[in-house]
Amino acid sequence: PGSPDMALASMGIYVFETAALAEHLRRDAEETS
């Protein structure tokens, strides 16, 4: 927004609260797909 010729590319850097991250990882581990 405001710079339509630019994009935001991921650096592969993520910040989580540890408890929330653990919950997401456990949920994802149960997803067979």
PDB file of all heavy atoms in Angstrom:
ATOM      1  N   PRO A   1       0.834  -1.212   0.000  1.00  0.00           N
ATOM      2  CA  PRO A   1       0.000   0.000   0.000  1.00  0.00           C
ATOM      3  C   PRO A   1       0.868   1.261   0.000  1.00  0.00           C
ATOM      4  O   PRO A   1       1.763   1.421   0.824  1.00  0.00           O
ATOM      5  CB  PRO A   1      -0.795  -0.124   1.307  1.00  0.00           C
ATOM      6  CG  PRO A   1      -0.863  -1.593   1.572  1.00  0.00           C
ATOM      7  CD  PRO A   1       0.451  -2.142   1.075  1.00  0.00           C
ATOM      8  N   GLY A   2       0.627   2.109  -0.956  1.00  0.00           N
ATOM      9  CA  GLY A   2       1.411   3.335  -1.085  1.00  0.00           C
ATOM     10  C   GLY A   2       2.644   3.172  -1.944  1.00  0.00           C
ATOM     11  O   GLY A   2       3.223   4.167  -2.385  1.00  0.00           O
ATOM     12  N   SER A   3       3.082   1.932  -2.178  1.00  0.00           N
ATOM     13  CA  SER A   3       4.241   1.648  -3.049  1.00  0.00           C
ATOM     14  C   SER A   3       3.906   0.433  -3.913  1.00  0.00           C
ATOM     15  O   SER A   3       4.429  -0.665  -3.706  1.00  0.00           O
ATOM     16  CB  SER A   3       5.499   1.387  -2.223  1.00  0.00           C
ATOM     17  OG  SER A   3       5.817   2.478  -1.393  1.00  0.00           O
ATOM     18  N   PRO A   4       3.022   0.595  -4.881  1.00  0.00           N
ATOM     19  CA  PRO A   4       2.524  -0.549  -5.652  1.00  0.00           C
ATOM     20  C   PRO A   4       3.592  -1.273  -6.468  1.00  0.00           C
ATOM     21  O   PRO A   4       3.380  -2.418  -6.868  1.00  0.00           O
ATOM     22  CB  PRO A   4       1.463   0.074  -6.559  1.00  0.00           C
ATOM     23  CG  PRO A   4       1.823   1.536  -6.638  1.00  0.00           C
ATOM     24  CD  PRO A   4       2.420   1.870  -5.310  1.00  0.00           C
ATOM     25  N   ASP A   5       4.726  -0.622  -6.730  1.00  0.00           N
ATOM     26  CA  ASP A   5       5.791  -1.265  -7.501  1.00  0.00           C
ATOM     27  C   ASP A   5       6.742  -2.082  -6.625  1.00  0.00           C
ATOM     28  O   ASP A   5       7.685  -2.688  -7.131  1.00  0.00           O
ATOM     29  CB  ASP A   5       6.595  -0.222  -8.276  1.00  0.00           C
ATOM     30  CG  ASP A   5       5.763   0.464  -9.342  1.00  0.00           C
ATOM     31  OD1 ASP A   5       4.820  -0.175  -9.862  1.00  0.00           O
ATOM     32  OD2 ASP A   5       6.052   1.636  -9.661  1.00  0.00           O
ATOM     33  N   MET A   6       6.521  -2.078  -5.311  1.00  0.00           N
ATOM     34  CA  MET A   6       7.343  -2.834  -4.376  1.00  0.00           C
ATOM     35  C   MET A   6       6.513  -3.931  -3.721  1.00  0.00           C
ATOM     36  O   MET A   6       5.286  -3.850  -3.647  1.00  0.00           O
ATOM     37  CB  MET A   6       7.930  -1.915  -3.296  1.00  0.00           C
ATOM     38  CG  MET A   6       8.752  -0.755  -3.829  1.00  0.00           C
ATOM     39  SD  MET A   6      10.271  -1.274  -4.658  1.00  0.00           S
ATOM     40  CE  MET A   6      11.261  -1.745  -3.213  1.00  0.00           C
ATOM     41  N   ALA A   7       7.196  -4.972  -3.241  1.00  0.00           N
ATOM     42  CA  ALA A   7       6.527  -6.078  -2.551  1.00  0.00           C
ATOM     43  C   ALA A   7       7.301  -6.412  -1.286  1.00  0.00           C
ATOM     44  O   ALA A   7       8.498  -6.087  -1.156  1.00  0.00           O
ATOM     45  CB  ALA A   7       6.444  -7.303  -3.462  1.00  0.00           C
ATOM     46  N   LEU A   8       6.621  -7.068  -0.344  1.00  0.00           N
ATOM     47  CA  LEU A   8       7.253  -7.513   0.898  1.00  0.00           C
ATOM     48  C   LEU A   8       7.561  -9.004   0.784  1.00  0.00           C
ATOM     49  O   LEU A   8       6.649  -9.833   0.717  1.00  0.00           O
ATOM     50  CB  LEU A   8       6.332  -7.253   2.098  1.00  0.00           C
ATOM     51  CG  LEU A   8       6.134  -5.793   2.490  1.00  0.00           C
ATOM     52  CD1 LEU A   8       5.189  -5.694   3.686  1.00  0.00           C
ATOM     53  CD2 LEU A   8       7.464  -5.124   2.817  1.00  0.00           C
ATOM     54  N   ALA A   9       8.852  -9.327   0.755  1.00  0.00           N
ATOM     55  CA  ALA A   9       9.300 -10.712   0.624  1.00  0.00           C
ATOM     56  C   ALA A   9       9.760 -11.238   1.977  1.00  0.00           C
ATOM     57  O   ALA A   9      10.460 -10.540   2.724  1.00  0.00           O
ATOM     58  CB  ALA A   9      10.441 -10.802  -0.387  1.00  0.00           C
ATOM     59  N   SER A  10       9.390 -12.458   2.285  1.00  0.00           N
ATOM     60  CA  SER A  10       9.750 -13.053   3.567  1.00  0.00           C
ATOM     61  C   SER A  10      11.247 -13.313   3.648  1.00  0.00           C
ATOM     62  O   SER A  10      11.869 -13.803   2.709  1.00  0.00           O
ATOM     63  CB  SER A  10       8.993 -14.368   3.775  1.00  0.00           C
ATOM     64  OG  SER A  10       9.462 -15.046   4.925  1.00  0.00           O
ATOM     65  N   MET A  11      11.844 -13.005   4.811  1.00  0.00           N
ATOM     66  CA  MET A  11      13.249 -13.292   5.083  1.00  0.00           C
ATOM     67  C   MET A  11      13.435 -14.654   5.744  1.00  0.00           C
ATOM     68  O   MET A  11      14.564 -15.054   6.028  1.00  0.00           O
ATOM     69  CB  MET A  11      13.832 -12.220   6.015  1.00  0.00           C
ATOM     70  CG  MET A  11      13.780 -10.814   5.472  1.00  0.00           C
ATOM     71  SD  MET A  11      14.251  -9.586   6.732  1.00  0.00           S
ATOM     72  CE  MET A  11      15.994  -9.945   6.940  1.00  0.00           C
ATOM     73  N   GLY A  12      12.341 -15.348   6.014  1.00  0.00           N
ATOM     74  CA  GLY A  12      12.444 -16.611   6.743  1.00  0.00           C
ATOM     75  C   GLY A  12      12.751 -16.413   8.211  1.00  0.00           C
ATOM     76  O   GLY A  12      13.321 -17.287   8.861  1.00  0.00           O
ATOM     77  N   ILE A  13      12.361 -15.253   8.749  1.00  0.00           N
ATOM     78  CA  ILE A  13      12.555 -14.940  10.170  1.00  0.00           C
ATOM     79  C   ILE A  13      11.182 -14.772  10.805  1.00  0.00           C
ATOM     80  O   ILE A  13      10.371 -13.972  10.331  1.00  0.00           O
ATOM     81  CB  ILE A  13      13.381 -13.655  10.356  1.00  0.00           C
ATOM     82  CG1 ILE A  13      14.759 -13.810   9.711  1.00  0.00           C
ATOM     83  CG2 ILE A  13      13.524 -13.299  11.829  1.00  0.00           C
ATOM     84  CD1 ILE A  13      15.597 -12.545   9.740  1.00  0.00           C
ATOM     85  N   TYR A  14      10.922 -15.540  11.869  1.00  0.00           N
ATOM     86  CA  TYR A  14       9.613 -15.518  12.508  1.00  0.00           C
ATOM     87  C   TYR A  14       9.772 -15.369  14.020  1.00  0.00           C
ATOM     88  O   TYR A  14      10.640 -16.003  14.617  1.00  0.00           O
ATOM     89  CB  TYR A  14       8.845 -16.812  12.228  1.00  0.00           C
ATOM     90  CG  TYR A  14       8.854 -17.245  10.786  1.00  0.00           C
ATOM     91  CD1 TYR A  14       9.581 -18.371  10.381  1.00  0.00           C
ATOM     92  CD2 TYR A  14       8.149 -16.535   9.819  1.00  0.00           C
ATOM     93  CE1 TYR A  14       9.600 -18.777   9.056  1.00  0.00           C
ATOM     94  CE2 TYR A  14       8.162 -16.939   8.486  1.00  0.00           C
ATOM     95  CZ  TYR A  14       8.887 -18.063   8.113  1.00  0.00           C
ATOM     96  OH  TYR A  14       8.899 -18.453   6.795  1.00  0.00           O
ATOM     97  N   VAL A  15       8.912 -14.556  14.633  1.00  0.00           N
ATOM     98  CA  VAL A  15       8.871 -14.428  16.086  1.00  0.00           C
ATOM     99  C   VAL A  15       7.511 -14.915  16.590  1.00  0.00           C
ATOM    100  O   VAL A  15       6.466 -14.491  16.071  1.00  0.00           O
ATOM    101  CB  VAL A  15       9.106 -12.971  16.536  1.00  0.00           C
ATOM    102  CG1 VAL A  15       8.881 -12.833  18.041  1.00  0.00           C
ATOM    103  CG2 VAL A  15      10.521 -12.523  16.177  1.00  0.00           C
ATOM    104  N   PHE A  16       7.549 -15.821  17.569  1.00  0.00           N
ATOM    105  CA  PHE A  16       6.344 -16.357  18.202  1.00  0.00           C
ATOM    106  C   PHE A  16       6.498 -16.274  19.713  1.00  0.00           C
ATOM    107  O   PHE A  16       7.622 -16.258  20.225  1.00  0.00           O
ATOM    108  CB  PHE A  16       6.150 -17.845  17.888  1.00  0.00           C
ATOM    109  CG  PHE A  16       5.942 -18.218  16.459  1.00  0.00           C
ATOM    110  CD1 PHE A  16       7.025 -18.433  15.610  1.00  0.00           C
ATOM    111  CD2 PHE A  16       4.661 -18.410  15.961  1.00  0.00           C
ATOM    112  CE1 PHE A  16       6.834 -18.825  14.300  1.00  0.00           C
ATOM    113  CE2 PHE A  16       4.459 -18.808  14.647  1.00  0.00           C
ATOM    114  CZ  PHE A  16       5.547 -19.016  13.812  1.00  0.00           C
ATOM    115  N   GLU A  17       5.383 -16.291  20.417  1.00  0.00           N
ATOM    116  CA  GLU A  17       5.435 -16.702  21.816  1.00  0.00           C
ATOM    117  C   GLU A  17       5.589 -18.218  21.817  1.00  0.00           C
ATOM    118  O   GLU A  17       4.948 -18.920  21.033  1.00  0.00           O
ATOM    119  CB  GLU A  17       4.180 -16.272  22.574  1.00  0.00           C
ATOM    120  CG  GLU A  17       4.156 -14.800  22.898  1.00  0.00           C
ATOM    121  CD  GLU A  17       3.223 -14.478  24.061  1.00  0.00           C
ATOM    122  OE1 GLU A  17       2.862 -15.409  24.815  1.00  0.00           O
ATOM    123  OE2 GLU A  17       2.871 -13.290  24.215  1.00  0.00           O
ATOM    124  N   THR A  18       6.437 -18.723  22.690  1.00  0.00           N
ATOM    125  CA  THR A  18       6.783 -20.144  22.651  1.00  0.00           C
ATOM    126  C   THR A  18       5.567 -21.045  22.809  1.00  0.00           C
ATOM    127  O   THR A  18       5.418 -22.041  22.087  1.00  0.00           O
ATOM    128  CB  THR A  18       7.824 -20.460  23.742  1.00  0.00           C
ATOM    129  OG1 THR A  18       8.930 -19.566  23.605  1.00  0.00           O
ATOM    130  CG2 THR A  18       8.311 -21.887  23.631  1.00  0.00           C
ATOM    131  N   ALA A  19       4.704 -20.710  23.737  1.00  0.00           N
ATOM    132  CA  ALA A  19       3.521 -21.542  23.971  1.00  0.00           C
ATOM    133  C   ALA A  19       2.640 -21.598  22.729  1.00  0.00           C
ATOM    134  O   ALA A  19       2.120 -22.669  22.363  1.00  0.00           O
ATOM    135  CB  ALA A  19       2.735 -21.012  25.169  1.00  0.00           C
ATOM    136  N   ALA A  20       2.465 -20.467  22.071  1.00  0.00           N
ATOM    137  CA  ALA A  20       1.638 -20.436  20.861  1.00  0.00           C
ATOM    138  C   ALA A  20       2.294 -21.220  19.735  1.00  0.00           C
ATOM    139  O   ALA A  20       1.615 -21.941  18.979  1.00  0.00           O
ATOM    140  CB  ALA A  20       1.399 -18.984  20.436  1.00  0.00           C
ATOM    141  N   LEU A  21       3.618 -21.091  19.601  1.00  0.00           N
ATOM    142  CA  LEU A  21       4.332 -21.848  18.572  1.00  0.00           C
ATOM    143  C   LEU A  21       4.161 -23.351  18.789  1.00  0.00           C
ATOM    144  O   LEU A  21       3.889 -24.104  17.841  1.00  0.00           O
ATOM    145  CB  LEU A  21       5.811 -21.479  18.580  1.00  0.00           C
ATOM    146  CG  LEU A  21       6.722 -22.312  17.666  1.00  0.00           C
ATOM    147  CD1 LEU A  21       6.302 -22.168  16.203  1.00  0.00           C
ATOM    148  CD2 LEU A  21       8.188 -21.922  17.841  1.00  0.00           C
ATOM    149  N   ALA A  22       4.313 -23.791  20.029  1.00  0.00           N
ATOM    150  CA  ALA A  22       4.167 -25.220  20.328  1.00  0.00           C
ATOM    151  C   ALA A  22       2.776 -25.708  19.945  1.00  0.00           C
ATOM    152  O   ALA A  22       2.613 -26.809  19.383  1.00  0.00           O
ATOM    153  CB  ALA A  22       4.434 -25.461  21.812  1.00  0.00           C
ATOM    154  N   GLU A  23       1.768 -24.901  20.222  1.00  0.00           N
ATOM    155  CA  GLU A  23       0.390 -25.282  19.879  1.00  0.00           C
ATOM    156  C   GLU A  23       0.221 -25.427  18.371  1.00  0.00           C
ATOM    157  O   GLU A  23      -0.378 -26.397  17.887  1.00  0.00           O
ATOM    158  CB  GLU A  23      -0.574 -24.227  20.424  1.00  0.00           C
ATOM    159  CG  GLU A  23      -2.038 -24.528  20.185  1.00  0.00           C
ATOM    160  CD  GLU A  23      -2.940 -23.454  20.775  1.00  0.00           C
ATOM    161  OE1 GLU A  23      -2.570 -22.852  21.801  1.00  0.00           O
ATOM    162  OE2 GLU A  23      -4.013 -23.222  20.184  1.00  0.00           O
ATOM    163  N   HIS A  24       0.779 -24.482  17.608  1.00  0.00           N
ATOM    164  CA  HIS A  24       0.677 -24.547  16.142  1.00  0.00           C
ATOM    165  C   HIS A  24       1.432 -25.756  15.589  1.00  0.00           C
ATOM    166  O   HIS A  24       0.951 -26.424  14.657  1.00  0.00           O
ATOM    167  CB  HIS A  24       1.202 -23.264  15.519  1.00  0.00           C
ATOM    168  CG  HIS A  24       0.275 -22.092  15.664  1.00  0.00           C
ATOM    169  ND1 HIS A  24      -0.977 -22.053  15.093  1.00  0.00           N
ATOM    170  CD2 HIS A  24       0.424 -20.912  16.336  1.00  0.00           C
ATOM    171  CE1 HIS A  24      -1.563 -20.906  15.392  1.00  0.00           C
ATOM    172  NE2 HIS A  24      -0.739 -20.195  16.143  1.00  0.00           N
ATOM    173  N   LEU A  25       2.588 -26.042  16.140  1.00  0.00           N
ATOM    174  CA  LEU A  25       3.375 -27.173  15.643  1.00  0.00           C
ATOM    175  C   LEU A  25       2.685 -28.498  15.943  1.00  0.00           C
ATOM    176  O   LEU A  25       2.696 -29.415  15.108  1.00  0.00           O
ATOM    177  CB  LEU A  25       4.774 -27.136  16.263  1.00  0.00           C
ATOM    178  CG  LEU A  25       5.676 -25.982  15.824  1.00  0.00           C
ATOM    179  CD1 LEU A  25       6.980 -25.997  16.609  1.00  0.00           C
ATOM    180  CD2 LEU A  25       5.965 -26.047  14.323  1.00  0.00           C
ATOM    181  N   ARG A  26       2.102 -28.619  17.108  1.00  0.00           N
ATOM    182  CA  ARG A  26       1.400 -29.865  17.451  1.00  0.00           C
ATOM    183  C   ARG A  26       0.171 -30.053  16.563  1.00  0.00           C
ATOM    184  O   ARG A  26      -0.128 -31.165  16.118  1.00  0.00           O
ATOM    185  CB  ARG A  26       1.026 -29.851  18.931  1.00  0.00           C
ATOM    186  CG  ARG A  26       2.233 -29.934  19.863  1.00  0.00           C
ATOM    187  CD  ARG A  26       1.811 -30.014  21.318  1.00  0.00           C
ATOM    188  NE  ARG A  26       2.983 -30.056  22.203  1.00  0.00           N
ATOM    189  CZ  ARG A  26       3.266 -29.129  23.099  1.00  0.00           C
ATOM    190  NH1 ARG A  26       2.465 -28.077  23.264  1.00  0.00           N
ATOM    191  NH2 ARG A  26       4.342 -29.246  23.864  1.00  0.00           N
ATOM    192  N   ARG A  27      -0.537 -28.961  16.318  1.00  0.00           N
ATOM    193  CA  ARG A  27      -1.692 -29.050  15.424  1.00  0.00           C
ATOM    194  C   ARG A  27      -1.264 -29.462  14.029  1.00  0.00           C
ATOM    195  O   ARG A  27      -1.860 -30.356  13.401  1.00  0.00           O
ATOM    196  CB  ARG A  27      -2.414 -27.691  15.375  1.00  0.00           C
ATOM    197  CG  ARG A  27      -3.557 -27.634  14.362  1.00  0.00           C
ATOM    198  CD  ARG A  27      -3.979 -26.199  14.070  1.00  0.00           C
ATOM    199  NE  ARG A  27      -2.853 -25.355  13.694  1.00  0.00           N
ATOM    200  CZ  ARG A  27      -2.276 -25.388  12.503  1.00  0.00           C
ATOM    201  NH1 ARG A  27      -2.698 -26.227  11.565  1.00  0.00           N
ATOM    202  NH2 ARG A  27      -1.260 -24.572  12.235  1.00  0.00           N
ATOM    203  N   ASP A  28      -0.191 -28.847  13.537  1.00  0.00           N
ATOM    204  CA  ASP A  28       0.279 -29.141  12.187  1.00  0.00           C
ATOM    205  C   ASP A  28       0.774 -30.586  12.072  1.00  0.00           C
ATOM    206  O   ASP A  28       0.606 -31.226  11.024  1.00  0.00           O
ATOM    207  CB  ASP A  28       1.400 -28.165  11.808  1.00  0.00           C
ATOM    208  CG  ASP A  28       1.851 -28.338  10.375  1.00  0.00           C
ATOM    209  OD1 ASP A  28       1.091 -27.960   9.462  1.00  0.00           O
ATOM    210  OD2 ASP A  28       2.966 -28.868  10.164  1.00  0.00           O
ATOM    211  N   ALA A  29       1.388 -31.097  13.132  1.00  0.00           N
ATOM    212  CA  ALA A  29       1.909 -32.467  13.091  1.00  0.00           C
ATOM    213  C   ALA A  29       0.803 -33.496  12.926  1.00  0.00           C
ATOM    214  O   ALA A  29       1.036 -34.612  12.437  1.00  0.00           O
ATOM    215  CB  ALA A  29       2.699 -32.750  14.366  1.00  0.00           C
ATOM    216  N   GLU A  30      -0.410 -33.134  13.309  1.00  0.00           N
ATOM    217  CA  GLU A  30      -1.541 -34.055  13.182  1.00  0.00           C
ATOM    218  C   GLU A  30      -2.217 -33.968  11.819  1.00  0.00           C
ATOM    219  O   GLU A  30      -3.079 -34.793  11.496  1.00  0.00           O
ATOM    220  CB  GLU A  30      -2.565 -33.757  14.284  1.00  0.00           C
ATOM    221  CG  GLU A  30      -2.040 -34.040  15.689  1.00  0.00           C
ATOM    222  CD  GLU A  30      -3.030 -33.651  16.768  1.00  0.00           C
ATOM    223  OE1 GLU A  30      -4.111 -33.123  16.407  1.00  0.00           O
ATOM    224  OE2 GLU A  30      -2.726 -33.872  17.964  1.00  0.00           O
ATOM    225  N   GLU A  31      -1.830 -32.970  11.025  1.00  0.00           N
ATOM    226  CA  GLU A  31      -2.400 -32.812   9.686  1.00  0.00           C
ATOM    227  C   GLU A  31      -1.649 -33.712   8.700  1.00  0.00           C
ATOM    228  O   GLU A  31      -0.480 -33.488   8.408  1.00  0.00           O
ATOM    229  CB  GLU A  31      -2.304 -31.350   9.229  1.00  0.00           C
ATOM    230  CG  GLU A  31      -3.142 -30.378  10.033  1.00  0.00           C
ATOM    231  CD  GLU A  31      -4.616 -30.474   9.673  1.00  0.00           C
ATOM    232  OE1 GLU A  31      -4.930 -31.040   8.605  1.00  0.00           O
ATOM    233  OE2 GLU A  31      -5.443 -29.994  10.462  1.00  0.00           O
ATOM    234  N   THR A  32      -2.317 -34.717   8.180  1.00  0.00           N
ATOM    235  CA  THR A  32      -1.642 -35.664   7.284  1.00  0.00           C
ATOM    236  C   THR A  32      -1.246 -35.023   5.961  1.00  0.00           C
ATOM    237  O   THR A  32      -0.305 -35.478   5.298  1.00  0.00           O
ATOM    238  CB  THR A  32      -2.550 -36.868   7.005  1.00  0.00           C
ATOM    239  OG1 THR A  32      -3.809 -36.398   6.475  1.00  0.00           O
ATOM    240  CG2 THR A  32      -2.808 -37.649   8.293  1.00  0.00           C
ATOM    241  N   SER A  33      -1.937 -33.951   5.557  1.00  0.00           N
ATOM    242  CA  SER A  33      -1.644 -33.314   4.272  1.00  0.00           C
ATOM    243  C   SER A  33      -0.568 -32.243   4.371  1.00  0.00           C
ATOM    244  O   SER A  33      -0.164 -31.668   3.352  1.00  0.00           O
ATOM    245  CB  SER A  33      -2.920 -32.687   3.706  1.00  0.00           C
ATOM    246  OG  SER A  33      -3.436 -31.705   4.597  1.00  0.00           O
TER     247      SER A  33
END
